[in-house]
Amino acid sequence: MLDFSILTNNLDMYLEGFKITITASLIALVASLVIGILIAVIRIVPFKPLNALGAAYVEFIRNIPLLIIVFFFFLGLRLDGLMAGTIALSIYTSSFIAEAIRAGILSVPKGQMEAARSSGLSYVQAMRLIILPQAFKIVIPPLGNQFINLVKNSSILSVVAGLDLMYQGDLISSRTFVVFDVYIFVAIFYLLLTIPLSLGVGYLEKRLAKSN
């Protein structure tokens, strides 16, 4: 039976960590999406040096542990824990988002780009107005999974005193000498974020399927 006094007596710390986790996740979500789109486009533009640069970014970032990237910003660049963790989370997630979006772009028939270019649009305009909107419809499920992973991966901030939910859980556990109950409540707070996100992605996926 859970000891709910752990939650009620430390509610302010849980809520403070919850707020930091939401803030870091939202910032990292937007930043990783922007970087991911940029890298995806770089990987498919008709210019091989840029293709190689994009491929190197993806292969390097996604094949090293997230913790190493966090330490690079925290210990190497001396950023505070919250900033180092959020930047690292953005960069790490962007490599997976870039691959998902690239796959979506490649799934769009080539004739779409050719038709857009023949109608007078530049490459950037054709990509922004014609190709990317179609690609996003295709990659909604994998993008949703990446965003859910991002929220869960935000617990890495606790390693560098990022003041997030997991960090607050560590503090509460060390003060109360209770482990199991403390982290069960931490898990419940994470579920409050990930379950609505998962349902929202599923709803959006169904709406887009009907619109097709």
N, C-alpha and C. Protein backbone atom coordinates (compact mmCIF):
# COMPACT_ATOMS: atom_id res chain seq x y z
N MET A 1 0.85 -1.20 0.00
CA MET A 1 0.00 0.00 0.00
C MET A 1 0.88 1.24 0.00
N LEU A 2 0.57 2.13 -0.91
CA LEU A 2 1.38 3.33 -1.00
C LEU A 2 1.16 4.25 0.19
N ASP A 3 2.24 4.88 0.62
CA ASP A 3 2.15 5.86 1.70
C ASP A 3 1.95 7.25 1.07
N PHE A 4 0.69 7.70 1.04
CA PHE A 4 0.37 8.95 0.35
C PHE A 4 0.89 10.18 1.10
N SER A 5 1.33 9.97 2.36
CA SER A 5 1.91 11.11 3.07
C SER A 5 3.24 11.54 2.42
N ILE A 6 3.89 10.59 1.72
CA ILE A 6 5.11 10.95 0.97
C ILE A 6 4.78 11.99 -0.09
N LEU A 7 3.63 11.79 -0.74
CA LEU A 7 3.21 12.73 -1.78
C LEU A 7 2.74 14.05 -1.18
N THR A 8 1.87 13.98 -0.19
CA THR A 8 1.29 15.22 0.37
C THR A 8 2.34 16.06 1.11
N ASN A 9 3.26 15.39 1.81
CA ASN A 9 4.27 16.15 2.57
C ASN A 9 5.33 16.78 1.68
N ASN A 10 5.46 16.25 0.47
CA ASN A 10 6.50 16.76 -0.44
C ASN A 10 5.92 17.24 -1.76
N LEU A 11 4.64 17.62 -1.71
CA LEU A 11 3.95 17.98 -2.95
C LEU A 11 4.62 19.16 -3.65
N ASP A 12 5.12 20.13 -2.86
CA ASP A 12 5.75 21.30 -3.49
C ASP A 12 6.99 20.90 -4.28
N MET A 13 7.76 19.94 -3.79
CA MET A 13 8.95 19.50 -4.51
C MET A 13 8.56 18.72 -5.77
N TYR A 14 7.54 17.86 -5.66
CA TYR A 14 7.06 17.13 -6.84
C TYR A 14 6.58 18.12 -7.92
N LEU A 15 5.81 19.11 -7.49
CA LEU A 15 5.25 20.06 -8.47
C LEU A 15 6.35 20.92 -9.09
N GLU A 16 7.35 21.29 -8.27
CA GLU A 16 8.46 22.07 -8.82
C GLU A 16 9.21 21.25 -9.88
N GLY A 17 9.47 19.99 -9.57
CA GLY A 17 10.13 19.13 -10.54
C GLY A 17 9.28 18.88 -11.77
N PHE A 18 7.97 18.73 -11.56
CA PHE A 18 7.04 18.53 -12.68
C PHE A 18 7.06 19.73 -13.61
N LYS A 19 7.08 20.93 -13.03
CA LYS A 19 7.11 22.16 -13.84
C LYS A 19 8.40 22.24 -14.65
N ILE A 20 9.53 21.92 -14.01
CA ILE A 20 10.82 21.96 -14.72
C ILE A 20 10.85 20.92 -15.84
N THR A 21 10.31 19.74 -15.56
CA THR A 21 10.28 18.68 -16.59
C THR A 21 9.45 19.10 -17.79
N ILE A 22 8.29 19.72 -17.53
CA ILE A 22 7.44 20.20 -18.64
C ILE A 22 8.17 21.27 -19.44
N THR A 23 8.79 22.22 -18.74
CA THR A 23 9.48 23.31 -19.42
C THR A 23 10.63 22.79 -20.28
N ALA A 24 11.47 21.94 -19.69
CA ALA A 24 12.61 21.40 -20.44
C ALA A 24 12.14 20.56 -21.62
N SER A 25 11.06 19.79 -21.43
CA SER A 25 10.55 18.94 -22.52
C SER A 25 9.99 19.77 -23.66
N LEU A 26 9.26 20.84 -23.33
CA LEU A 26 8.68 21.69 -24.38
C LEU A 26 9.78 22.39 -25.19
N ILE A 27 10.77 22.92 -24.47
CA ILE A 27 11.88 23.60 -25.18
C ILE A 27 12.63 22.61 -26.06
N ALA A 28 12.92 21.44 -25.51
CA ALA A 28 13.66 20.43 -26.28
C ALA A 28 12.82 19.91 -27.44
N LEU A 29 11.50 19.82 -27.25
CA LEU A 29 10.62 19.35 -28.32
C LEU A 29 10.68 20.30 -29.52
N VAL A 30 10.52 21.59 -29.25
CA VAL A 30 10.54 22.58 -30.34
C VAL A 30 11.93 22.63 -31.00
N ALA A 31 12.97 22.67 -30.17
CA ALA A 31 14.33 22.77 -30.70
C ALA A 31 14.70 21.53 -31.51
N SER A 32 14.35 20.35 -31.01
CA SER A 32 14.72 19.12 -31.73
C SER A 32 13.94 19.00 -33.04
N LEU A 33 12.70 19.51 -33.05
CA LEU A 33 11.91 19.47 -34.29
C LEU A 33 12.52 20.38 -35.35
N VAL A 34 12.90 21.59 -34.93
CA VAL A 34 13.51 22.55 -35.88
C VAL A 34 14.83 22.00 -36.41
N ILE A 35 15.69 21.52 -35.51
CA ILE A 35 16.98 20.97 -35.94
C ILE A 35 16.77 19.72 -36.79
N GLY A 36 15.81 18.88 -36.39
CA GLY A 36 15.54 17.65 -37.14
C GLY A 36 15.09 17.93 -38.56
N ILE A 37 14.20 18.93 -38.74
CA ILE A 37 13.74 19.30 -40.10
C ILE A 37 14.93 19.79 -40.92
N LEU A 38 15.75 20.64 -40.32
CA LEU A 38 16.91 21.20 -41.03
C LEU A 38 17.86 20.08 -41.47
N ILE A 39 18.16 19.17 -40.57
CA ILE A 39 19.08 18.08 -40.90
C ILE A 39 18.47 17.15 -41.96
N ALA A 40 17.16 16.89 -41.87
CA ALA A 40 16.50 16.03 -42.85
C ALA A 40 16.59 16.63 -44.24
N VAL A 41 16.36 17.94 -44.33
CA VAL A 41 16.45 18.60 -45.64
C VAL A 41 17.88 18.61 -46.16
N ILE A 42 18.83 18.86 -45.24
CA ILE A 42 20.25 18.85 -45.64
C ILE A 42 20.64 17.49 -46.20
N ARG A 43 20.05 16.44 -45.68
CA ARG A 43 20.43 15.09 -46.12
C ARG A 43 19.90 14.75 -47.50
N ILE A 44 18.91 15.50 -48.00
CA ILE A 44 18.35 15.12 -49.31
C ILE A 44 18.52 16.19 -50.38
N VAL A 45 19.08 17.36 -50.02
CA VAL A 45 19.27 18.38 -51.06
C VAL A 45 20.25 17.84 -52.11
N PRO A 46 20.12 18.28 -53.33
CA PRO A 46 21.01 17.79 -54.40
C PRO A 46 22.40 18.43 -54.33
N PHE A 47 23.10 18.22 -53.19
CA PHE A 47 24.45 18.76 -53.01
C PHE A 47 25.17 17.82 -52.04
N LYS A 48 26.07 16.99 -52.58
CA LYS A 48 26.64 15.88 -51.81
C LYS A 48 27.40 16.29 -50.55
N PRO A 49 28.17 17.39 -50.55
CA PRO A 49 28.84 17.77 -49.29
C PRO A 49 27.86 18.01 -48.14
N LEU A 50 26.71 18.63 -48.45
CA LEU A 50 25.70 18.84 -47.41
C LEU A 50 25.08 17.51 -46.98
N ASN A 51 24.88 16.61 -47.94
CA ASN A 51 24.34 15.28 -47.61
C ASN A 51 25.26 14.58 -46.62
N ALA A 52 26.58 14.66 -46.91
CA ALA A 52 27.57 14.00 -46.04
C ALA A 52 27.58 14.65 -44.66
N LEU A 53 27.45 15.97 -44.61
CA LEU A 53 27.44 16.67 -43.33
C LEU A 53 26.23 16.24 -42.49
N GLY A 54 25.07 16.16 -43.13
CA GLY A 54 23.86 15.73 -42.42
C GLY A 54 23.96 14.30 -41.94
N ALA A 55 24.49 13.44 -42.79
CA ALA A 55 24.64 12.02 -42.40
C ALA A 55 25.62 11.89 -41.23
N ALA A 56 26.71 12.66 -41.27
CA ALA A 56 27.69 12.60 -40.18
C ALA A 56 27.07 13.04 -38.86
N TYR A 57 26.25 14.09 -38.91
CA TYR A 57 25.57 14.58 -37.70
C TYR A 57 24.69 13.48 -37.11
N VAL A 58 23.86 12.89 -37.96
CA VAL A 58 22.92 11.87 -37.47
C VAL A 58 23.66 10.67 -36.91
N GLU A 59 24.64 10.16 -37.67
CA GLU A 59 25.33 8.95 -37.23
C GLU A 59 26.15 9.19 -35.96
N PHE A 60 26.75 10.36 -35.85
CA PHE A 60 27.56 10.65 -34.67
C PHE A 60 26.68 10.82 -33.43
N ILE A 61 25.63 11.62 -33.54
CA ILE A 61 24.81 11.93 -32.38
C ILE A 61 24.01 10.73 -31.88
N ARG A 62 23.40 10.00 -32.80
CA ARG A 62 22.51 8.92 -32.34
C ARG A 62 23.28 7.68 -31.90
N ASN A 63 24.58 7.63 -32.15
CA ASN A 63 25.36 6.46 -31.76
C ASN A 63 26.24 6.69 -30.54
N ILE A 64 26.02 7.78 -29.85
CA ILE A 64 26.70 7.98 -28.57
C ILE A 64 25.63 8.15 -27.49
N PRO A 65 25.93 7.75 -26.26
CA PRO A 65 24.92 7.86 -25.20
C PRO A 65 24.53 9.31 -24.92
N LEU A 66 23.26 9.49 -24.60
CA LEU A 66 22.77 10.82 -24.25
C LEU A 66 23.55 11.41 -23.08
N LEU A 67 23.94 10.56 -22.16
CA LEU A 67 24.66 11.04 -20.98
C LEU A 67 25.99 11.71 -21.36
N ILE A 68 26.66 11.19 -22.38
CA ILE A 68 27.92 11.78 -22.82
C ILE A 68 27.69 13.20 -23.35
N ILE A 69 26.61 13.37 -24.09
CA ILE A 69 26.29 14.70 -24.63
C ILE A 69 25.98 15.67 -23.49
N VAL A 70 25.25 15.17 -22.49
CA VAL A 70 24.95 16.02 -21.32
C VAL A 70 26.23 16.45 -20.62
N PHE A 71 27.13 15.50 -20.42
CA PHE A 71 28.40 15.82 -19.76
C PHE A 71 29.23 16.80 -20.58
N PHE A 72 29.13 16.71 -21.91
CA PHE A 72 29.89 17.64 -22.76
C PHE A 72 29.49 19.09 -22.46
N PHE A 73 28.18 19.32 -22.35
CA PHE A 73 27.72 20.69 -22.10
C PHE A 73 27.88 21.08 -20.62
N PHE A 74 27.72 20.09 -19.72
CA PHE A 74 27.77 20.40 -18.29
C PHE A 74 29.21 20.54 -17.78
N LEU A 75 30.06 19.59 -18.13
CA LEU A 75 31.44 19.61 -17.65
C LEU A 75 32.37 20.33 -18.62
N GLY A 76 32.11 20.14 -19.93
CA GLY A 76 33.00 20.74 -20.92
C GLY A 76 32.76 22.23 -21.10
N LEU A 77 31.49 22.60 -21.29
CA LEU A 77 31.16 24.01 -21.53
C LEU A 77 30.69 24.73 -20.27
N ARG A 78 30.64 24.02 -19.16
CA ARG A 78 30.31 24.62 -17.84
C ARG A 78 28.94 25.28 -17.81
N LEU A 79 27.96 24.71 -18.54
CA LEU A 79 26.60 25.23 -18.45
C LEU A 79 25.93 24.67 -17.20
N ASP A 80 24.88 25.36 -16.72
CA ASP A 80 24.19 24.81 -15.56
C ASP A 80 23.41 23.55 -15.97
N GLY A 81 23.00 22.76 -14.97
CA GLY A 81 22.41 21.45 -15.24
C GLY A 81 21.18 21.50 -16.12
N LEU A 82 20.28 22.45 -15.85
CA LEU A 82 19.05 22.54 -16.63
C LEU A 82 19.34 22.86 -18.09
N MET A 83 20.21 23.84 -18.32
CA MET A 83 20.52 24.25 -19.69
C MET A 83 21.29 23.14 -20.42
N ALA A 84 22.28 22.56 -19.73
CA ALA A 84 23.07 21.50 -20.36
C ALA A 84 22.19 20.31 -20.73
N GLY A 85 21.29 19.93 -19.82
CA GLY A 85 20.42 18.80 -20.09
C GLY A 85 19.43 19.07 -21.21
N THR A 86 18.88 20.28 -21.23
CA THR A 86 17.88 20.62 -22.26
C THR A 86 18.53 20.68 -23.65
N ILE A 87 19.71 21.29 -23.74
CA ILE A 87 20.41 21.36 -25.04
C ILE A 87 20.78 19.96 -25.51
N ALA A 88 21.32 19.15 -24.60
CA ALA A 88 21.71 17.79 -24.97
C ALA A 88 20.51 16.97 -25.43
N LEU A 89 19.40 17.13 -24.71
CA LEU A 89 18.17 16.41 -25.07
C LEU A 89 17.68 16.84 -26.46
N SER A 90 17.78 18.13 -26.74
CA SER A 90 17.35 18.65 -28.05
C SER A 90 18.20 18.06 -29.17
N ILE A 91 19.50 18.09 -28.98
CA ILE A 91 20.41 17.59 -30.03
C ILE A 91 20.24 16.09 -30.22
N TYR A 92 20.18 15.36 -29.12
CA TYR A 92 20.06 13.90 -29.21
C TYR A 92 18.76 13.51 -29.93
N THR A 93 17.64 14.10 -29.53
CA THR A 93 16.36 13.75 -30.13
C THR A 93 16.29 14.18 -31.59
N SER A 94 16.96 15.30 -31.92
CA SER A 94 16.90 15.80 -33.30
C SER A 94 17.46 14.79 -34.29
N SER A 95 18.44 13.98 -33.88
CA SER A 95 19.02 13.02 -34.82
C SER A 95 18.00 11.94 -35.20
N PHE A 96 17.14 11.56 -34.27
CA PHE A 96 16.10 10.56 -34.57
C PHE A 96 14.95 11.19 -35.36
N ILE A 97 14.61 12.43 -34.99
CA ILE A 97 13.54 13.12 -35.73
C ILE A 97 13.97 13.36 -37.17
N ALA A 98 15.24 13.71 -37.37
CA ALA A 98 15.74 13.95 -38.73
C ALA A 98 15.56 12.72 -39.60
N GLU A 99 15.85 11.55 -39.06
CA GLU A 99 15.70 10.33 -39.84
C GLU A 99 14.23 10.02 -40.13
N ALA A 100 13.37 10.29 -39.17
CA ALA A 100 11.94 10.04 -39.38
C ALA A 100 11.40 10.97 -40.48
N ILE A 101 11.77 12.25 -40.41
CA ILE A 101 11.28 13.21 -41.40
C ILE A 101 11.89 12.92 -42.78
N ARG A 102 13.15 12.54 -42.80
CA ARG A 102 13.78 12.19 -44.09
C ARG A 102 13.04 11.03 -44.75
N ALA A 103 12.68 10.04 -43.94
CA ALA A 103 11.93 8.91 -44.49
C ALA A 103 10.58 9.38 -45.03
N GLY A 104 9.95 10.31 -44.32
CA GLY A 104 8.67 10.85 -44.78
C GLY A 104 8.82 11.60 -46.09
N ILE A 105 9.88 12.41 -46.20
CA ILE A 105 10.11 13.18 -47.43
C ILE A 105 10.35 12.23 -48.60
N LEU A 106 11.11 11.18 -48.37
CA LEU A 106 11.42 10.23 -49.45
C LEU A 106 10.19 9.42 -49.86
N SER A 107 9.18 9.39 -48.98
CA SER A 107 7.95 8.66 -49.30
C SER A 107 7.02 9.46 -50.21
N VAL A 108 7.26 10.78 -50.27
CA VAL A 108 6.43 11.64 -51.14
C VAL A 108 6.88 11.40 -52.59
N PRO A 109 5.96 11.14 -53.50
CA PRO A 109 6.34 10.90 -54.90
C PRO A 109 7.20 12.03 -55.47
N LYS A 110 8.25 11.66 -56.24
CA LYS A 110 9.16 12.66 -56.78
C LYS A 110 8.45 13.65 -57.70
N GLY A 111 7.37 13.20 -58.31
CA GLY A 111 6.63 14.07 -59.21
C GLY A 111 6.09 15.31 -58.52
N GLN A 112 5.89 15.21 -57.20
CA GLN A 112 5.39 16.37 -56.44
C GLN A 112 6.40 17.51 -56.47
N MET A 113 7.66 17.18 -56.26
CA MET A 113 8.71 18.20 -56.30
C MET A 113 8.87 18.75 -57.72
N GLU A 114 8.85 17.87 -58.69
CA GLU A 114 9.02 18.31 -60.08
C GLU A 114 7.87 19.23 -60.50
N ALA A 115 6.65 18.89 -60.08
CA ALA A 115 5.50 19.73 -60.43
C ALA A 115 5.59 21.08 -59.75
N ALA A 116 6.05 21.07 -58.47
CA ALA A 116 6.18 22.34 -57.74
C ALA A 116 7.25 23.23 -58.38
N ARG A 117 8.39 22.62 -58.77
CA ARG A 117 9.46 23.41 -59.39
C ARG A 117 9.03 23.94 -60.76
N SER A 118 8.29 23.13 -61.50
CA SER A 118 7.86 23.57 -62.83
C SER A 118 6.83 24.69 -62.78
N SER A 119 6.16 24.78 -61.60
CA SER A 119 5.18 25.87 -61.46
C SER A 119 5.82 27.17 -60.99
N GLY A 120 7.15 27.16 -60.85
CA GLY A 120 7.86 28.40 -60.52
C GLY A 120 8.34 28.52 -59.10
N LEU A 121 8.08 27.53 -58.25
CA LEU A 121 8.53 27.60 -56.86
C LEU A 121 10.02 27.27 -56.77
N SER A 122 10.72 27.93 -55.84
CA SER A 122 12.11 27.60 -55.58
C SER A 122 12.17 26.25 -54.84
N TYR A 123 13.38 25.72 -54.70
CA TYR A 123 13.52 24.44 -53.99
C TYR A 123 13.03 24.56 -52.55
N VAL A 124 13.40 25.66 -51.89
CA VAL A 124 12.98 25.85 -50.50
C VAL A 124 11.47 26.01 -50.39
N GLN A 125 10.89 26.79 -51.30
CA GLN A 125 9.43 26.98 -51.28
C GLN A 125 8.70 25.66 -51.54
N ALA A 126 9.19 24.90 -52.51
CA ALA A 126 8.56 23.62 -52.82
C ALA A 126 8.65 22.67 -51.62
N MET A 127 9.81 22.68 -50.96
CA MET A 127 9.97 21.81 -49.80
C MET A 127 9.04 22.26 -48.67
N ARG A 128 8.97 23.55 -48.43
CA ARG A 128 8.18 24.07 -47.30
C ARG A 128 6.68 23.98 -47.54
N LEU A 129 6.25 24.28 -48.77
CA LEU A 129 4.81 24.37 -49.04
C LEU A 129 4.20 23.07 -49.56
N ILE A 130 4.99 22.24 -50.21
CA ILE A 130 4.42 21.06 -50.87
C ILE A 130 4.89 19.75 -50.21
N ILE A 131 6.20 19.61 -50.04
CA ILE A 131 6.74 18.30 -49.63
C ILE A 131 6.60 18.07 -48.12
N LEU A 132 7.06 19.03 -47.32
CA LEU A 132 7.05 18.81 -45.87
C LEU A 132 5.65 18.58 -45.28
N PRO A 133 4.61 19.34 -45.71
CA PRO A 133 3.28 19.04 -45.16
C PRO A 133 2.83 17.61 -45.41
N GLN A 134 3.15 17.08 -46.60
CA GLN A 134 2.78 15.68 -46.89
C GLN A 134 3.65 14.71 -46.08
N ALA A 135 4.92 15.06 -45.94
CA ALA A 135 5.82 14.18 -45.18
C ALA A 135 5.39 14.09 -43.72
N PHE A 136 4.92 15.20 -43.14
CA PHE A 136 4.52 15.19 -41.74
C PHE A 136 3.33 14.26 -41.50
N LYS A 137 2.40 14.22 -42.47
CA LYS A 137 1.27 13.31 -42.31
C LYS A 137 1.74 11.87 -42.22
N ILE A 138 2.79 11.57 -42.97
CA ILE A 138 3.29 10.19 -43.01
C ILE A 138 4.02 9.82 -41.72
N VAL A 139 4.72 10.80 -41.13
CA VAL A 139 5.61 10.47 -40.00
C VAL A 139 5.03 10.84 -38.64
N ILE A 140 3.73 11.11 -38.58
CA ILE A 140 3.12 11.44 -37.28
C ILE A 140 3.37 10.35 -36.23
N PRO A 141 3.13 9.05 -36.56
CA PRO A 141 3.36 8.01 -35.52
C PRO A 141 4.80 7.97 -35.00
N PRO A 142 5.83 7.89 -35.88
CA PRO A 142 7.20 7.87 -35.34
C PRO A 142 7.58 9.16 -34.62
N LEU A 143 7.07 10.31 -35.08
CA LEU A 143 7.36 11.56 -34.38
C LEU A 143 6.75 11.55 -32.98
N GLY A 144 5.53 11.03 -32.89
CA GLY A 144 4.89 10.94 -31.58
C GLY A 144 5.68 10.08 -30.62
N ASN A 145 6.19 8.97 -31.13
CA ASN A 145 7.02 8.10 -30.28
C ASN A 145 8.28 8.83 -29.82
N GLN A 146 8.88 9.60 -30.70
CA GLN A 146 10.08 10.35 -30.32
C GLN A 146 9.79 11.40 -29.25
N PHE A 147 8.63 12.04 -29.35
CA PHE A 147 8.28 13.05 -28.35
C PHE A 147 8.03 12.40 -26.98
N ILE A 148 7.41 11.22 -27.00
CA ILE A 148 7.20 10.50 -25.73
C ILE A 148 8.55 10.09 -25.14
N ASN A 149 9.44 9.61 -26.00
CA ASN A 149 10.78 9.25 -25.53
C ASN A 149 11.52 10.46 -24.97
N LEU A 150 11.29 11.61 -25.61
CA LEU A 150 11.95 12.84 -25.15
C LEU A 150 11.54 13.17 -23.71
N VAL A 151 10.23 13.06 -23.45
CA VAL A 151 9.75 13.36 -22.09
C VAL A 151 10.39 12.41 -21.08
N LYS A 152 10.44 11.12 -21.42
CA LYS A 152 11.04 10.16 -20.49
C LYS A 152 12.55 10.38 -20.35
N ASN A 153 13.19 10.72 -21.48
CA ASN A 153 14.64 10.95 -21.43
C ASN A 153 15.02 12.21 -20.66
N SER A 154 14.02 13.09 -20.42
CA SER A 154 14.32 14.31 -19.67
C SER A 154 14.79 13.99 -18.25
N SER A 155 14.57 12.76 -17.79
CA SER A 155 15.05 12.36 -16.46
C SER A 155 16.57 12.40 -16.37
N ILE A 156 17.24 12.49 -17.53
CA ILE A 156 18.70 12.58 -17.54
C ILE A 156 19.16 13.88 -16.85
N LEU A 157 18.28 14.87 -16.78
CA LEU A 157 18.65 16.13 -16.12
C LEU A 157 19.00 15.92 -14.65
N SER A 158 18.43 14.87 -14.06
CA SER A 158 18.68 14.63 -12.64
C SER A 158 20.16 14.33 -12.37
N VAL A 159 20.86 13.82 -13.38
CA VAL A 159 22.28 13.46 -13.20
C VAL A 159 23.14 14.72 -12.99
N VAL A 160 22.69 15.84 -13.58
CA VAL A 160 23.48 17.08 -13.50
C VAL A 160 22.73 18.16 -12.71
N ALA A 161 21.93 17.71 -11.75
CA ALA A 161 21.19 18.64 -10.88
C ALA A 161 20.33 19.60 -11.70
N GLY A 162 19.56 19.02 -12.63
CA GLY A 162 18.72 19.85 -13.49
C GLY A 162 17.40 20.25 -12.87
N LEU A 163 17.17 19.89 -11.62
CA LEU A 163 15.99 20.29 -10.84
C LEU A 163 14.69 19.70 -11.38
N ASP A 164 14.79 18.68 -12.21
CA ASP A 164 13.60 18.10 -12.82
C ASP A 164 12.89 17.15 -11.85
N LEU A 165 11.88 16.48 -12.36
CA LEU A 165 11.06 15.60 -11.52
C LEU A 165 11.87 14.47 -10.89
N MET A 166 12.73 13.83 -11.68
CA MET A 166 13.54 12.74 -11.14
C MET A 166 14.53 13.25 -10.09
N TYR A 167 15.08 14.44 -10.31
CA TYR A 167 16.00 15.03 -9.35
C TYR A 167 15.29 15.29 -8.02
N GLN A 168 14.07 15.81 -8.10
CA GLN A 168 13.30 16.06 -6.88
C GLN A 168 12.97 14.73 -6.17
N GLY A 169 12.69 13.70 -6.98
CA GLY A 169 12.45 12.38 -6.39
C GLY A 169 13.67 11.87 -5.65
N ASP A 170 14.86 12.08 -6.23
CA ASP A 170 16.10 11.68 -5.56
C ASP A 170 16.25 12.41 -4.21
N LEU A 171 15.95 13.71 -4.22
CA LEU A 171 16.06 14.49 -2.98
C LEU A 171 15.09 13.99 -1.92
N ILE A 172 13.84 13.77 -2.34
CA ILE A 172 12.82 13.30 -1.39
C ILE A 172 13.21 11.94 -0.81
N SER A 173 13.72 11.07 -1.68
CA SER A 173 14.12 9.73 -1.24
C SER A 173 15.27 9.80 -0.24
N SER A 174 16.23 10.69 -0.50
CA SER A 174 17.38 10.79 0.40
C SER A 174 16.99 11.39 1.75
N ARG A 175 15.94 12.22 1.77
CA ARG A 175 15.50 12.85 3.02
C ARG A 175 14.61 11.93 3.84
N THR A 176 13.76 11.16 3.16
CA THR A 176 12.78 10.34 3.87
C THR A 176 13.23 8.89 4.06
N PHE A 177 14.28 8.50 3.33
CA PHE A 177 14.76 7.11 3.33
C PHE A 177 13.70 6.14 2.80
N VAL A 178 12.80 6.67 1.98
CA VAL A 178 11.79 5.85 1.32
C VAL A 178 12.11 5.84 -0.18
N VAL A 179 12.19 4.68 -0.75
CA VAL A 179 12.57 4.59 -2.16
C VAL A 179 11.38 4.23 -3.05
N PHE A 180 10.75 3.11 -2.75
CA PHE A 180 9.70 2.58 -3.64
C PHE A 180 8.57 3.58 -3.84
N ASP A 181 7.97 4.06 -2.76
CA ASP A 181 6.82 4.97 -2.86
C ASP A 181 7.18 6.26 -3.57
N VAL A 182 8.37 6.77 -3.26
CA VAL A 182 8.79 8.05 -3.86
C VAL A 182 8.81 7.94 -5.38
N TYR A 183 9.43 6.85 -5.89
CA TYR A 183 9.56 6.75 -7.34
C TYR A 183 8.28 6.29 -8.03
N ILE A 184 7.38 5.64 -7.28
CA ILE A 184 6.06 5.35 -7.85
C ILE A 184 5.32 6.66 -8.13
N PHE A 185 5.41 7.62 -7.21
CA PHE A 185 4.76 8.92 -7.44
C PHE A 185 5.46 9.68 -8.58
N VAL A 186 6.77 9.53 -8.66
CA VAL A 186 7.49 10.15 -9.80
C VAL A 186 6.96 9.56 -11.11
N ALA A 187 6.79 8.24 -11.15
CA ALA A 187 6.29 7.58 -12.36
C ALA A 187 4.89 8.08 -12.72
N ILE A 188 4.05 8.28 -11.69
CA ILE A 188 2.68 8.76 -11.95
C ILE A 188 2.72 10.15 -12.59
N PHE A 189 3.63 11.01 -12.11
CA PHE A 189 3.73 12.34 -12.71
C PHE A 189 4.19 12.25 -14.17
N TYR A 190 5.11 11.34 -14.46
CA TYR A 190 5.53 11.16 -15.86
C TYR A 190 4.36 10.67 -16.72
N LEU A 191 3.54 9.76 -16.15
CA LEU A 191 2.39 9.26 -16.90
C LEU A 191 1.38 10.37 -17.20
N LEU A 192 1.30 11.35 -16.30
CA LEU A 192 0.41 12.49 -16.54
C LEU A 192 0.82 13.26 -17.79
N LEU A 193 2.09 13.16 -18.15
CA LEU A 193 2.57 13.82 -19.37
C LEU A 193 2.49 12.91 -20.59
N THR A 194 2.93 11.67 -20.43
CA THR A 194 3.07 10.81 -21.61
C THR A 194 1.75 10.23 -22.10
N ILE A 195 0.83 9.92 -21.21
CA ILE A 195 -0.44 9.33 -21.67
C ILE A 195 -1.26 10.33 -22.50
N PRO A 196 -1.46 11.59 -22.05
CA PRO A 196 -2.18 12.55 -22.92
C PRO A 196 -1.44 12.77 -24.24
N LEU A 197 -0.11 12.79 -24.20
CA LEU A 197 0.66 12.96 -25.43
C LEU A 197 0.42 11.81 -26.39
N SER A 198 0.40 10.59 -25.85
CA SER A 198 0.16 9.41 -26.67
C SER A 198 -1.25 9.43 -27.26
N LEU A 199 -2.24 9.80 -26.43
CA LEU A 199 -3.62 9.88 -26.92
C LEU A 199 -3.77 10.97 -27.97
N GLY A 200 -3.09 12.09 -27.75
CA GLY A 200 -3.16 13.20 -28.71
C GLY A 200 -2.59 12.80 -30.06
N VAL A 201 -1.47 12.10 -30.06
CA VAL A 201 -0.86 11.64 -31.31
C VAL A 201 -1.79 10.66 -32.03
N GLY A 202 -2.41 9.76 -31.25
CA GLY A 202 -3.35 8.81 -31.85
C GLY A 202 -4.55 9.49 -32.47
N TYR A 203 -5.06 10.51 -31.78
CA TYR A 203 -6.20 11.28 -32.30
C TYR A 203 -5.83 12.01 -33.58
N LEU A 204 -4.65 12.65 -33.57
CA LEU A 204 -4.19 13.39 -34.74
C LEU A 204 -3.98 12.45 -35.92
N GLU A 205 -3.46 11.27 -35.63
CA GLU A 205 -3.22 10.28 -36.68
C GLU A 205 -4.54 9.88 -37.34
N LYS A 206 -5.60 9.67 -36.52
CA LYS A 206 -6.89 9.29 -37.08
C LYS A 206 -7.50 10.42 -37.90
N ARG A 207 -7.35 11.66 -37.41
CA ARG A 207 -7.89 12.82 -38.15
C ARG A 207 -7.22 12.94 -39.50
N LEU A 208 -5.90 12.79 -39.52
CA LEU A 208 -5.17 12.91 -40.78
C LEU A 208 -5.53 11.77 -41.73
N ALA A 209 -5.75 10.58 -41.17
CA ALA A 209 -6.13 9.44 -42.03
C ALA A 209 -7.49 9.70 -42.68
N LYS A 210 -8.42 10.29 -41.92
CA LYS A 210 -9.75 10.58 -42.48
C LYS A 210 -9.67 11.67 -43.55
N SER A 211 -8.77 12.66 -43.32
CA SER A 211 -8.66 13.76 -44.28
C SER A 211 -8.08 13.30 -45.61
N ASN A 212 -7.37 12.13 -45.58
CA ASN A 212 -6.81 11.60 -46.83
C ASN A 212 -7.89 10.87 -47.63
